[in-house]
Amino acid sequence: MLKTILHEYLETSCATVVTAFEQLPHPARRQHAIHQLRVGSKKIRALLAVAKEIPGYHLKTRSYLSTLRLLQDIGGISRDTRLQEQFLTHHEKTIGWRFSVAHLLLKTRSATADNALTATMERLSIKKLSRLSDAFKEAIADIDETAAIDAIIAHVATMYNETKLPESNAPASSWHDLRKRMKRLYYQLGIVTQLPHHTRQHQEQLQHSKKAGELLGEWHDASELLVFIKNTATHIRKEKIMLPEEVPQLIKLLQRETKEKLAESAKHLRDLGIF
């Protein structure tokens, strides 16, 4: 049963990535395809990470992971830039002013990201990725399922129990790393909850890690927009252009939102017993 569960999980995730990659050239489908590609890639990476804990399992995955990372990074720039423009527009309504220079820079960055994505699609082949699930199936053919289940559950439990909150004065990168860790835990717990003998605790941890990932994701989006607006303001000053008086107001708004979202994320994690 375990072998079937793991193989089908990987097969579905790989198919999602391959289908999404094929839809990238179509502008109307691109953003949805980028989302599907990123989700599928994260699921594949999460599964391969837990598979390494299985006794007797051996599969060289570096080339697969390199392809996934490249697709995630390029697609992520496009996704993040468009989200920043949406969030910026939302906050501008609060102060009744449009930061035209920032929008112009975001549109330029978005066009650059699209060009990079197009160039990547032209030179990148993902045929090998479509064969990953078959290679994985062969790699787990002779494993002991009971030992494998114990190893997977133990690994995820350790990952969950060893998750710690950054110090109060920790840099944003530490919280960013925690966000990625909670996202991976969510996908790995999604695998565990499909296994025989999973517990109610695993289901609860799945929901908690999902919520933590979402909250930290909201903080990250707000934080990235704040950094972008600050950098834009700095560039304007360097060019000896008068900075609009609304910019400091916008920065204060984003600083408050970023702080609130981080506090909300930390509270949720403490409620889970993560200190």
C-alpha atoms as a PDB file:
ATOM      1  CA  MET A   1       0.000   0.000   0.000  1.00  0.00           C
ATOM      2  CA  LEU A   2       2.784   2.446   0.916  1.00  0.00           C
ATOM      3  CA  LYS A   3       4.554   1.960  -2.405  1.00  0.00           C
ATOM      4  CA  THR A   4       1.350   2.694  -4.277  1.00  0.00           C
ATOM      5  CA  ILE A   5       0.601   5.800  -2.211  1.00  0.00           C
ATOM      6  CA  LEU A   6       4.069   7.275  -2.680  1.00  0.00           C
ATOM      7  CA  HIS A   7       4.268   6.440  -6.382  1.00  0.00           C
ATOM      8  CA  GLU A   8       0.827   7.855  -7.171  1.00  0.00           C
ATOM      9  CA  TYR A   9       1.559  11.004  -5.162  1.00  0.00           C
ATOM     10  CA  LEU A  10       4.759  11.588  -7.118  1.00  0.00           C
ATOM     11  CA  GLU A  11       3.205  10.639 -10.448  1.00  0.00           C
ATOM     12  CA  THR A  12       0.352  13.128  -9.954  1.00  0.00           C
ATOM     13  CA  SER A  13       2.737  15.889  -8.855  1.00  0.00           C
ATOM     14  CA  CYS A  14       5.029  15.338 -11.843  1.00  0.00           C
ATOM     15  CA  ALA A  15       2.053  15.372 -14.207  1.00  0.00           C
ATOM     16  CA  THR A  16       0.942  18.674 -12.666  1.00  0.00           C
ATOM     17  CA  VAL A  17       4.353  20.240 -13.315  1.00  0.00           C
ATOM     18  CA  VAL A  18       4.587  18.922 -16.872  1.00  0.00           C
ATOM     19  CA  THR A  19       1.065  20.130 -17.746  1.00  0.00           C
ATOM     20  CA  ALA A  20       1.732  23.532 -16.185  1.00  0.00           C
ATOM     21  CA  PHE A  21       4.993  23.874 -18.114  1.00  0.00           C
ATOM     22  CA  GLU A  22       3.138  23.216 -21.366  1.00  0.00           C
ATOM     23  CA  GLN A  23       0.656  26.001 -20.545  1.00  0.00           C
ATOM     24  CA  LEU A  24       3.296  28.649 -19.776  1.00  0.00           C
ATOM     25  CA  PRO A  25       3.542  29.941 -23.382  1.00  0.00           C
ATOM     26  CA  HIS A  26      -0.132  31.002 -23.264  1.00  0.00           C
ATOM     27  CA  PRO A  27      -0.401  34.478 -21.625  1.00  0.00           C
ATOM     28  CA  ALA A  28      -3.981  33.925 -20.443  1.00  0.00           C
ATOM     29  CA  ARG A  29      -3.017  30.710 -18.643  1.00  0.00           C
ATOM     30  CA  ARG A  30       0.465  31.678 -17.501  1.00  0.00           C
ATOM     31  CA  GLN A  31      -0.203  32.842 -13.943  1.00  0.00           C
ATOM     32  CA  HIS A  32      -2.380  29.826 -13.131  1.00  0.00           C
ATOM     33  CA  ALA A  33       0.252  27.598 -14.724  1.00  0.00           C
ATOM     34  CA  ILE A  34       2.991  29.220 -12.602  1.00  0.00           C
ATOM     35  CA  HIS A  35       0.940  28.552  -9.463  1.00  0.00           C
ATOM     36  CA  GLN A  36       0.379  24.905 -10.434  1.00  0.00           C
ATOM     37  CA  LEU A  37       4.038  24.518 -11.338  1.00  0.00           C
ATOM     38  CA  ARG A  38       5.175  25.872  -7.968  1.00  0.00           C
ATOM     39  CA  VAL A  39       2.750  23.721  -5.985  1.00  0.00           C
ATOM     40  CA  GLY A  40       3.653  20.592  -7.936  1.00  0.00           C
ATOM     41  CA  SER A  41       7.359  21.304  -7.528  1.00  0.00           C
ATOM     42  CA  LYS A  42       7.031  21.754  -3.765  1.00  0.00           C
ATOM     43  CA  LYS A  43       5.151  18.469  -3.471  1.00  0.00           C
ATOM     44  CA  ILE A  44       7.847  16.637  -5.419  1.00  0.00           C
ATOM     45  CA  ARG A  45      10.613  18.153  -3.309  1.00  0.00           C
ATOM     46  CA  ALA A  46       8.761  17.301  -0.090  1.00  0.00           C
ATOM     47  CA  LEU A  47       8.287  13.680  -1.137  1.00  0.00           C
ATOM     48  CA  LEU A  48      11.885  13.220  -2.242  1.00  0.00           C
ATOM     49  CA  ALA A  49      13.036  14.692   1.079  1.00  0.00           C
ATOM     50  CA  VAL A  50      11.114  12.148   3.162  1.00  0.00           C
ATOM     51  CA  ALA A  51      11.998   9.314   0.778  1.00  0.00           C
ATOM     52  CA  LYS A  52      15.668   9.782   1.658  1.00  0.00           C
ATOM     53  CA  GLU A  53      14.801   8.519   5.165  1.00  0.00           C
ATOM     54  CA  ILE A  54      13.531   5.158   3.872  1.00  0.00           C
ATOM     55  CA  PRO A  55      15.944   2.273   4.578  1.00  0.00           C
ATOM     56  CA  GLY A  56      17.186   0.738   1.328  1.00  0.00           C
ATOM     57  CA  TYR A  57      16.019   3.608  -0.886  1.00  0.00           C
ATOM     58  CA  HIS A  58      18.550   5.035  -3.332  1.00  0.00           C
ATOM     59  CA  LEU A  59      17.792   7.417  -6.193  1.00  0.00           C
ATOM     60  CA  LYS A  60      19.934  10.152  -7.690  1.00  0.00           C
ATOM     61  CA  THR A  61      17.693  13.210  -7.848  1.00  0.00           C
ATOM     62  CA  ARG A  62      20.071  16.156  -8.258  1.00  0.00           C
ATOM     63  CA  SER A  63      19.203  16.811 -11.908  1.00  0.00           C
ATOM     64  CA  TYR A  64      15.464  16.589 -11.192  1.00  0.00           C
ATOM     65  CA  LEU A  65      15.740  18.980  -8.257  1.00  0.00           C
ATOM     66  CA  SER A  66      17.852  21.436 -10.253  1.00  0.00           C
ATOM     67  CA  THR A  67      15.154  21.622 -12.921  1.00  0.00           C
ATOM     68  CA  LEU A  68      12.448  22.136 -10.318  1.00  0.00           C
ATOM     69  CA  ARG A  69      14.411  24.854  -8.544  1.00  0.00           C
ATOM     70  CA  LEU A  70      14.995  26.731 -11.799  1.00  0.00           C
ATOM     71  CA  LEU A  71      11.301  26.628 -12.690  1.00  0.00           C
ATOM     72  CA  GLN A  72      10.294  27.704  -9.178  1.00  0.00           C
ATOM     73  CA  ASP A  73      12.712  30.620  -9.127  1.00  0.00           C
ATOM     74  CA  ILE A  74      11.822  32.012 -12.545  1.00  0.00           C
ATOM     75  CA  GLY A  75       8.094  31.515 -12.039  1.00  0.00           C
ATOM     76  CA  GLY A  76       8.330  32.965  -8.542  1.00  0.00           C
ATOM     77  CA  ILE A  77       9.669  36.295  -9.773  1.00  0.00           C
ATOM     78  CA  SER A  78       6.736  36.654 -12.136  1.00  0.00           C
ATOM     79  CA  ARG A  79       4.249  35.642  -9.452  1.00  0.00           C
ATOM     80  CA  ASP A  80       5.703  37.886  -6.740  1.00  0.00           C
ATOM     81  CA  THR A  81       5.889  40.949  -8.997  1.00  0.00           C
ATOM     82  CA  ARG A  82       2.236  40.704  -9.969  1.00  0.00           C
ATOM     83  CA  LEU A  83       1.191  40.188  -6.362  1.00  0.00           C
ATOM     84  CA  GLN A  84       3.186  43.233  -5.301  1.00  0.00           C
ATOM     85  CA  GLU A  85       1.391  45.351  -7.871  1.00  0.00           C
ATOM     86  CA  GLN A  86      -1.987  44.100  -6.607  1.00  0.00           C
ATOM     87  CA  PHE A  87      -1.087  44.733  -2.965  1.00  0.00           C
ATOM     88  CA  LEU A  88       0.338  48.147  -3.776  1.00  0.00           C
ATOM     89  CA  THR A  89      -2.895  49.143  -5.504  1.00  0.00           C
ATOM     90  CA  HIS A  90      -4.865  47.957  -2.473  1.00  0.00           C
ATOM     91  CA  HIS A  91      -2.809  50.060  -0.045  1.00  0.00           C
ATOM     92  CA  GLU A  92      -2.883  53.094  -2.313  1.00  0.00           C
ATOM     93  CA  LYS A  93      -6.661  53.165  -1.961  1.00  0.00           C
ATOM     94  CA  THR A  94      -6.214  53.594   1.796  1.00  0.00           C
ATOM     95  CA  ILE A  95      -4.218  56.797   1.370  1.00  0.00           C
ATOM     96  CA  GLY A  96      -5.960  57.945  -1.823  1.00  0.00           C
ATOM     97  CA  TRP A  97      -2.816  58.221  -3.939  1.00  0.00           C
ATOM     98  CA  ARG A  98      -1.065  56.231  -6.688  1.00  0.00           C
ATOM     99  CA  PHE A  99       2.702  55.674  -6.585  1.00  0.00           C
ATOM    100  CA  SER A 100       3.205  55.802 -10.365  1.00  0.00           C
ATOM    101  CA  VAL A 101       6.982  55.335 -10.296  1.00  0.00           C
ATOM    102  CA  ALA A 102       6.644  52.133  -8.272  1.00  0.00           C
ATOM    103  CA  HIS A 103       4.044  50.772 -10.683  1.00  0.00           C
ATOM    104  CA  LEU A 104       6.303  51.577 -13.629  1.00  0.00           C
ATOM    105  CA  LEU A 105       9.210  49.705 -12.010  1.00  0.00           C
ATOM    106  CA  LEU A 106       6.987  46.714 -11.234  1.00  0.00           C
ATOM    107  CA  LYS A 107       5.730  46.571 -14.807  1.00  0.00           C
ATOM    108  CA  THR A 108       9.335  46.657 -16.036  1.00  0.00           C
ATOM    109  CA  ARG A 109      10.303  43.897 -13.608  1.00  0.00           C
ATOM    110  CA  SER A 110       7.279  41.870 -14.695  1.00  0.00           C
ATOM    111  CA  ALA A 111       8.238  42.178 -18.366  1.00  0.00           C
ATOM    112  CA  THR A 112      11.814  41.151 -17.545  1.00  0.00           C
ATOM    113  CA  ALA A 113      10.537  38.130 -15.614  1.00  0.00           C
ATOM    114  CA  ASP A 114       8.306  37.115 -18.512  1.00  0.00           C
ATOM    115  CA  ASN A 115      11.236  37.376 -20.929  1.00  0.00           C
ATOM    116  CA  ALA A 116      13.393  35.258 -18.615  1.00  0.00           C
ATOM    117  CA  LEU A 117      10.610  32.703 -18.328  1.00  0.00           C
ATOM    118  CA  THR A 118      10.241  32.557 -22.113  1.00  0.00           C
ATOM    119  CA  ALA A 119      14.001  32.084 -22.543  1.00  0.00           C
ATOM    120  CA  THR A 120      13.959  29.319 -19.931  1.00  0.00           C
ATOM    121  CA  MET A 121      11.100  27.518 -21.658  1.00  0.00           C
ATOM    122  CA  GLU A 122      12.965  27.596 -24.972  1.00  0.00           C
ATOM    123  CA  ARG A 123      16.104  25.931 -23.644  1.00  0.00           C
ATOM    124  CA  LEU A 124      14.744  23.729 -20.868  1.00  0.00           C
ATOM    125  CA  SER A 125      13.488  20.195 -21.392  1.00  0.00           C
ATOM    126  CA  ILE A 126      11.398  18.521 -18.716  1.00  0.00           C
ATOM    127  CA  LYS A 127      11.064  15.172 -20.447  1.00  0.00           C
ATOM    128  CA  LYS A 128      13.281  13.640 -17.787  1.00  0.00           C
ATOM    129  CA  LEU A 129      10.939  14.930 -15.100  1.00  0.00           C
ATOM    130  CA  SER A 130       8.060  13.043 -16.683  1.00  0.00           C
ATOM    131  CA  ARG A 131      10.068   9.850 -16.128  1.00  0.00           C
ATOM    132  CA  LEU A 132      10.839  10.552 -12.464  1.00  0.00           C
ATOM    133  CA  SER A 133       7.860   8.641 -11.079  1.00  0.00           C
ATOM    134  CA  ASP A 134       8.906   5.461 -12.934  1.00  0.00           C
ATOM    135  CA  ALA A 135      12.473   5.782 -11.634  1.00  0.00           C
ATOM    136  CA  PHE A 136      11.110   6.327  -8.132  1.00  0.00           C
ATOM    137  CA  LYS A 137       8.832   3.294  -8.401  1.00  0.00           C
ATOM    138  CA  GLU A 138      11.827   1.150  -9.270  1.00  0.00           C
ATOM    139  CA  ALA A 139      13.854   2.641  -6.412  1.00  0.00           C
ATOM    140  CA  ILE A 140      11.233   1.675  -3.800  1.00  0.00           C
ATOM    141  CA  ALA A 141      10.388  -1.717  -5.268  1.00  0.00           C
ATOM    142  CA  ASP A 142      12.285  -3.699  -2.633  1.00  0.00           C
ATOM    143  CA  ILE A 143      11.826  -1.565   0.476  1.00  0.00           C
ATOM    144  CA  ASP A 144      10.266  -2.894   3.675  1.00  0.00           C
ATOM    145  CA  GLU A 145       6.985  -0.992   3.955  1.00  0.00           C
ATOM    146  CA  THR A 146       6.701  -1.186   7.727  1.00  0.00           C
ATOM    147  CA  ALA A 147      10.225   0.139   8.240  1.00  0.00           C
ATOM    148  CA  ALA A 148       9.600   2.805   5.597  1.00  0.00           C
ATOM    149  CA  ILE A 149       6.410   4.042   7.275  1.00  0.00           C
ATOM    150  CA  ASP A 150       8.171   4.215  10.646  1.00  0.00           C
ATOM    151  CA  ALA A 151      11.070   6.153   9.108  1.00  0.00           C
ATOM    152  CA  ILE A 152       8.833   8.654   7.321  1.00  0.00           C
ATOM    153  CA  ILE A 153       6.636   9.310  10.356  1.00  0.00           C
ATOM    154  CA  ALA A 154       9.675   9.652  12.634  1.00  0.00           C
ATOM    155  CA  HIS A 155      11.363  12.080  10.268  1.00  0.00           C
ATOM    156  CA  VAL A 156       8.316  14.339   9.953  1.00  0.00           C
ATOM    157  CA  ALA A 157       7.746  14.238  13.721  1.00  0.00           C
ATOM    158  CA  THR A 158      11.342  15.330  14.282  1.00  0.00           C
ATOM    159  CA  MET A 159      10.988  18.132  11.731  1.00  0.00           C
ATOM    160  CA  TYR A 160       7.825  19.353  13.455  1.00  0.00           C
ATOM    161  CA  ASN A 161       9.133  19.050  17.024  1.00  0.00           C
ATOM    162  CA  GLU A 162      12.447  20.730  16.207  1.00  0.00           C
ATOM    163  CA  THR A 163      10.818  23.728  14.558  1.00  0.00           C
ATOM    164  CA  LYS A 164      11.669  26.829  16.579  1.00  0.00           C
ATOM    165  CA  LEU A 165      10.669  30.465  16.471  1.00  0.00           C
ATOM    166  CA  PRO A 166      13.470  32.862  15.548  1.00  0.00           C
ATOM    167  CA  GLU A 167      14.696  35.240  18.224  1.00  0.00           C
ATOM    168  CA  SER A 168      12.788  38.512  18.535  1.00  0.00           C
ATOM    169  CA  ASN A 169      15.665  40.415  16.926  1.00  0.00           C
ATOM    170  CA  ALA A 170      16.260  37.827  14.186  1.00  0.00           C
ATOM    171  CA  PRO A 171      16.561  39.107  10.594  1.00  0.00           C
ATOM    172  CA  ALA A 172      13.717  38.671   8.123  1.00  0.00           C
ATOM    173  CA  SER A 173      15.660  35.857   6.441  1.00  0.00           C
ATOM    174  CA  SER A 174      15.166  33.686   9.548  1.00  0.00           C
ATOM    175  CA  TRP A 175      11.400  34.079   9.330  1.00  0.00           C
ATOM    176  CA  HIS A 176      11.581  33.445   5.611  1.00  0.00           C
ATOM    177  CA  ASP A 177      13.386  30.150   6.311  1.00  0.00           C
ATOM    178  CA  LEU A 178      10.706  29.257   8.864  1.00  0.00           C
ATOM    179  CA  ARG A 179       8.017  29.985   6.271  1.00  0.00           C
ATOM    180  CA  LYS A 180       9.634  27.560   3.830  1.00  0.00           C
ATOM    181  CA  ARG A 181      10.038  24.958   6.570  1.00  0.00           C
ATOM    182  CA  MET A 182       6.340  25.152   7.514  1.00  0.00           C
ATOM    183  CA  LYS A 183       5.362  24.864   3.860  1.00  0.00           C
ATOM    184  CA  ARG A 184       7.478  21.744   3.442  1.00  0.00           C
ATOM    185  CA  LEU A 185       6.076  20.311   6.677  1.00  0.00           C
ATOM    186  CA  TYR A 186       2.570  20.901   5.351  1.00  0.00           C
ATOM    187  CA  TYR A 187       3.247  18.894   2.212  1.00  0.00           C
ATOM    188  CA  GLN A 188       5.073  16.151   4.118  1.00  0.00           C
ATOM    189  CA  LEU A 189       2.228  15.866   6.619  1.00  0.00           C
ATOM    190  CA  GLY A 190      -0.079  15.642   3.624  1.00  0.00           C
ATOM    191  CA  ILE A 191       1.832  12.487   2.700  1.00  0.00           C
ATOM    192  CA  VAL A 192       1.820  11.131   6.269  1.00  0.00           C
ATOM    193  CA  THR A 193      -1.964  11.523   6.558  1.00  0.00           C
ATOM    194  CA  GLN A 194      -2.365   9.215   3.570  1.00  0.00           C
ATOM    195  CA  LEU A 195      -0.329   6.453   5.210  1.00  0.00           C
ATOM    196  CA  PRO A 196      -1.774   3.568   7.225  1.00  0.00           C
ATOM    197  CA  HIS A 197      -1.885   4.134  10.987  1.00  0.00           C
ATOM    198  CA  HIS A 198      -1.631   7.920  10.855  1.00  0.00           C
ATOM    199  CA  THR A 199      -3.140   9.615  13.888  1.00  0.00           C
ATOM    200  CA  ARG A 200      -5.498  12.454  14.706  1.00  0.00           C
ATOM    201  CA  GLN A 201      -2.428  14.393  15.813  1.00  0.00           C
ATOM    202  CA  HIS A 202      -1.052  14.192  12.273  1.00  0.00           C
ATOM    203  CA  GLN A 203      -4.311  15.641  10.936  1.00  0.00           C
ATOM    204  CA  GLU A 204      -4.146  18.481  13.452  1.00  0.00           C
ATOM    205  CA  GLN A 205      -0.505  19.184  12.631  1.00  0.00           C
ATOM    206  CA  LEU A 206      -1.420  19.247   8.936  1.00  0.00           C
ATOM    207  CA  GLN A 207      -4.001  21.976   9.534  1.00  0.00           C
ATOM    208  CA  HIS A 208      -1.727  23.904  11.901  1.00  0.00           C
ATOM    209  CA  SER A 209       1.206  23.864   9.490  1.00  0.00           C
ATOM    210  CA  LYS A 210      -1.074  24.992   6.662  1.00  0.00           C
ATOM    211  CA  LYS A 211      -2.321  27.941   8.728  1.00  0.00           C
ATOM    212  CA  ALA A 212       1.204  28.830   9.857  1.00  0.00           C
ATOM    213  CA  GLY A 213       2.430  28.742   6.267  1.00  0.00           C
ATOM    214  CA  GLU A 214      -0.410  30.979   5.127  1.00  0.00           C
ATOM    215  CA  LEU A 215       0.187  33.543   7.884  1.00  0.00           C
ATOM    216  CA  LEU A 216       3.918  33.617   7.278  1.00  0.00           C
ATOM    217  CA  GLY A 217       3.211  33.899   3.556  1.00  0.00           C
ATOM    218  CA  GLU A 218       1.082  36.998   4.162  1.00  0.00           C
ATOM    219  CA  TRP A 219       3.857  38.466   6.311  1.00  0.00           C
ATOM    220  CA  HIS A 220       6.434  37.706   3.609  1.00  0.00           C
ATOM    221  CA  ASP A 221       4.367  39.367   0.875  1.00  0.00           C
ATOM    222  CA  ALA A 222       3.897  42.482   3.008  1.00  0.00           C
ATOM    223  CA  SER A 223       7.575  42.504   3.957  1.00  0.00           C
ATOM    224  CA  GLU A 224       8.736  42.196   0.347  1.00  0.00           C
ATOM    225  CA  LEU A 225       6.470  45.050  -0.744  1.00  0.00           C
ATOM    226  CA  LEU A 226       7.819  47.197   2.093  1.00  0.00           C
ATOM    227  CA  VAL A 227      11.408  46.520   1.017  1.00  0.00           C
ATOM    228  CA  PHE A 228      10.543  47.346  -2.596  1.00  0.00           C
ATOM    229  CA  ILE A 229       8.861  50.644  -1.671  1.00  0.00           C
ATOM    230  CA  LYS A 230      11.782  51.648   0.566  1.00  0.00           C
ATOM    231  CA  ASN A 231      14.275  50.857  -2.191  1.00  0.00           C
ATOM    232  CA  THR A 232      12.218  52.791  -4.716  1.00  0.00           C
ATOM    233  CA  ALA A 233      12.154  55.809  -2.408  1.00  0.00           C
ATOM    234  CA  THR A 234      15.940  55.591  -2.018  1.00  0.00           C
ATOM    235  CA  HIS A 235      16.452  55.538  -5.790  1.00  0.00           C
ATOM    236  CA  ILE A 236      14.197  58.554  -6.218  1.00  0.00           C
ATOM    237  CA  ARG A 237      16.231  60.522  -3.692  1.00  0.00           C
ATOM    238  CA  LYS A 238      19.498  59.531  -5.382  1.00  0.00           C
ATOM    239  CA  GLU A 239      18.179  60.910  -8.652  1.00  0.00           C
ATOM    240  CA  LYS A 240      17.552  64.256  -6.932  1.00  0.00           C
ATOM    241  CA  ILE A 241      13.822  63.939  -7.515  1.00  0.00           C
ATOM    242  CA  MET A 242      11.489  65.313  -4.882  1.00  0.00           C
ATOM    243  CA  LEU A 243       9.935  62.440  -2.977  1.00  0.00           C
ATOM    244  CA  PRO A 244       6.120  62.681  -2.861  1.00  0.00           C
ATOM    245  CA  GLU A 245       4.886  63.301   0.668  1.00  0.00           C
ATOM    246  CA  GLU A 246       2.591  60.287   0.422  1.00  0.00           C
ATOM    247  CA  VAL A 247       5.538  57.861   0.204  1.00  0.00           C
ATOM    248  CA  PRO A 248       6.474  58.074   3.922  1.00  0.00           C
ATOM    249  CA  GLN A 249       2.786  57.571   4.696  1.00  0.00           C
ATOM    250  CA  LEU A 250       2.715  54.469   2.522  1.00  0.00           C
ATOM    251  CA  ILE A 251       5.882  53.151   4.165  1.00  0.00           C
ATOM    252  CA  LYS A 252       4.428  53.615   7.660  1.00  0.00           C
ATOM    253  CA  LEU A 253       1.279  51.775   6.573  1.00  0.00           C
ATOM    254  CA  LEU A 254       3.314  48.852   5.261  1.00  0.00           C
ATOM    255  CA  GLN A 255       5.555  48.812   8.326  1.00  0.00           C
ATOM    256  CA  ARG A 256       2.519  48.542  10.587  1.00  0.00           C
ATOM    257  CA  GLU A 257       0.979  45.796   8.467  1.00  0.00           C
ATOM    258  CA  THR A 258       4.238  43.833   8.318  1.00  0.00           C
ATOM    259  CA  LYS A 259       4.672  44.039  12.083  1.00  0.00           C
ATOM    260  CA  GLU A 260       1.073  42.967  12.720  1.00  0.00           C
ATOM    261  CA  LYS A 261       1.280  40.000  10.371  1.00  0.00           C
ATOM    262  CA  LEU A 262       4.535  38.821  11.906  1.00  0.00           C
ATOM    263  CA  ALA A 263       3.034  39.081  15.397  1.00  0.00           C
ATOM    264  CA  GLU A 264      -0.012  37.102  14.263  1.00  0.00           C
ATOM    265  CA  SER A 265       2.229  34.407  12.770  1.00  0.00           C
ATOM    266  CA  ALA A 266       4.334  34.172  15.936  1.00  0.00           C
ATOM    267  CA  LYS A 267       1.228  33.914  18.134  1.00  0.00           C
ATOM    268  CA  HIS A 268      -0.169  31.082  16.031  1.00  0.00           C
ATOM    269  CA  LEU A 269       3.108  29.192  16.206  1.00  0.00           C
ATOM    270  CA  ARG A 270       3.334  29.647  19.973  1.00  0.00           C
ATOM    271  CA  ASP A 271      -0.198  28.301  20.288  1.00  0.00           C
ATOM    272  CA  LEU A 272       1.111  25.151  18.566  1.00  0.00           C
ATOM    273  CA  GLY A 273       3.796  24.780  21.208  1.00  0.00           C
ATOM    274  CA  ILE A 274       6.541  26.039  18.908  1.00  0.00           C
ATOM    275  CA  PHE A 275       8.866  28.328  20.886  1.00  0.00           C
END
